[in-house]
Amino acid sequence: GILAAIAIPQFSAFRARAYNASAESQVRHAAAFLEAYFVDNDTYTTDTTALEGYVDDPQVTITIVAGTSGNITDSYSITGVHDNGDRTYTLTGPGGQIQ
């Protein structure tokens, strides 16, 4: 019983860290594809299906919000959260850090 009282909470915390790492990784993955899209199109997109070769994790919800200057989209904000995770990750780009 004592061993279970120690192991089960640690296992749950380990699983949450794994889910969160997956969400953080997916945000970085989306940012790389957004930058590649920008090179080809001189604009960013909010539609992940427009990112050629991008493969999403069905358990991670990615949201992209575009920033515009004049009539071009010149920045973005990506938010990602895993269905079973307990953290939300945001990257504002280009060139931003994950928060």
Protein backbone atom coordinates (compact mmCIF):
# COMPACT_ATOMS: atom_id res chain seq x y z
CA GLY A 1 0.00 0.00 0.00
CA ILE A 2 2.81 2.41 0.85
CA LEU A 3 4.53 1.75 -2.44
CA ALA A 4 1.30 2.42 -4.35
CA ALA A 5 0.77 5.65 -2.42
CA ILE A 6 4.16 6.86 -3.64
CA ALA A 7 4.19 5.42 -7.17
CA ILE A 8 0.73 6.37 -8.43
CA PRO A 9 1.06 10.16 -7.93
CA GLN A 10 4.56 10.09 -9.46
CA PHE A 11 3.25 8.17 -12.46
CA SER A 12 0.43 10.68 -12.93
CA ALA A 13 2.88 13.59 -12.79
CA PHE A 14 5.12 11.82 -15.31
CA ARG A 15 2.20 11.36 -17.71
CA ALA A 16 1.22 15.05 -17.43
CA ARG A 17 4.81 16.08 -18.24
CA ALA A 18 4.78 13.80 -21.29
CA TYR A 19 1.49 15.27 -22.55
CA ASN A 20 2.77 18.80 -22.00
CA ALA A 21 6.02 18.02 -23.83
CA SER A 22 3.98 16.76 -26.77
CA ALA A 23 2.03 20.02 -26.93
CA GLU A 24 5.21 22.11 -26.71
CA SER A 25 6.82 20.05 -29.46
CA GLN A 26 3.77 20.44 -31.70
CA VAL A 27 3.90 24.25 -31.29
CA ARG A 28 7.56 24.26 -32.39
CA HIS A 29 6.67 21.94 -35.28
CA ALA A 30 3.89 24.26 -36.47
CA ALA A 31 6.20 27.30 -36.23
CA ALA A 32 8.77 25.66 -38.50
CA PHE A 33 6.11 24.93 -41.10
CA LEU A 34 4.71 28.47 -40.83
CA GLU A 35 8.16 29.89 -41.53
CA ALA A 36 8.54 27.62 -44.57
CA TYR A 37 5.09 28.72 -45.76
CA PHE A 38 6.14 32.37 -45.39
CA VAL A 39 9.23 31.82 -47.56
CA ASP A 40 7.05 30.55 -50.39
CA ASN A 41 4.07 32.92 -49.99
CA ASP A 42 5.33 36.13 -48.29
CA THR A 43 2.53 35.78 -45.75
CA TYR A 44 1.58 33.55 -42.81
CA THR A 45 -1.51 31.37 -42.74
CA THR A 46 -3.87 30.43 -39.93
CA ASP A 47 -4.86 27.18 -41.64
CA THR A 48 -2.67 24.20 -40.78
CA THR A 49 -4.03 22.29 -43.77
CA ALA A 50 -2.29 24.86 -46.01
CA LEU A 51 1.09 23.88 -44.53
CA GLU A 52 2.47 21.35 -47.01
CA GLY A 53 3.79 18.27 -45.21
CA TYR A 54 2.56 19.33 -41.77
CA VAL A 55 1.33 16.40 -39.68
CA ASP A 56 -0.61 17.23 -36.56
CA ASP A 57 -1.07 15.28 -33.37
CA PRO A 58 -4.82 14.66 -33.08
CA GLN A 59 -4.61 15.02 -29.28
CA VAL A 60 -2.98 18.46 -29.46
CA THR A 61 -5.14 21.45 -30.34
CA ILE A 62 -3.14 24.03 -32.30
CA THR A 63 -4.55 27.50 -32.88
CA ILE A 64 -2.81 30.02 -35.12
CA VAL A 65 -3.68 33.72 -35.03
CA ALA A 66 -2.14 35.95 -37.69
CA GLY A 67 -0.95 39.49 -37.16
CA THR A 68 -1.24 41.94 -40.00
CA SER A 69 0.55 45.12 -40.93
CA GLY A 70 -1.17 47.01 -43.71
CA ASN A 71 -2.47 44.35 -46.05
CA ILE A 72 0.07 41.58 -45.37
CA THR A 73 0.20 39.00 -42.62
CA ASP A 74 3.63 39.50 -41.07
CA SER A 75 3.42 37.77 -37.69
CA TYR A 76 1.64 34.97 -35.89
CA SER A 77 0.81 33.51 -32.52
CA ILE A 78 0.57 29.74 -32.10
CA THR A 79 -1.15 28.21 -29.09
CA GLY A 80 -1.04 24.51 -28.31
CA VAL A 81 -2.57 22.35 -25.60
CA HIS A 82 -2.77 18.57 -25.24
CA ASP A 83 -6.17 17.06 -24.46
CA ASN A 84 -4.73 15.38 -21.37
CA GLY A 85 -2.14 17.99 -20.46
CA ASP A 86 -2.34 20.74 -17.89
CA ARG A 87 -0.39 23.53 -19.64
CA THR A 88 -0.94 25.76 -22.65
CA TYR A 89 2.02 26.81 -24.76
CA THR A 90 2.21 29.96 -26.87
CA LEU A 91 4.80 31.07 -29.38
CA THR A 92 4.66 34.51 -30.95
CA GLY A 93 6.70 34.87 -34.09
CA PRO A 94 8.61 35.22 -36.10
CA GLY A 95 11.56 34.50 -33.84
CA GLY A 96 9.72 34.21 -30.53
CA GLN A 97 10.17 31.97 -27.54
CA ILE A 98 7.63 29.49 -26.22
CA GLN A 99 5.82 30.74 -23.15
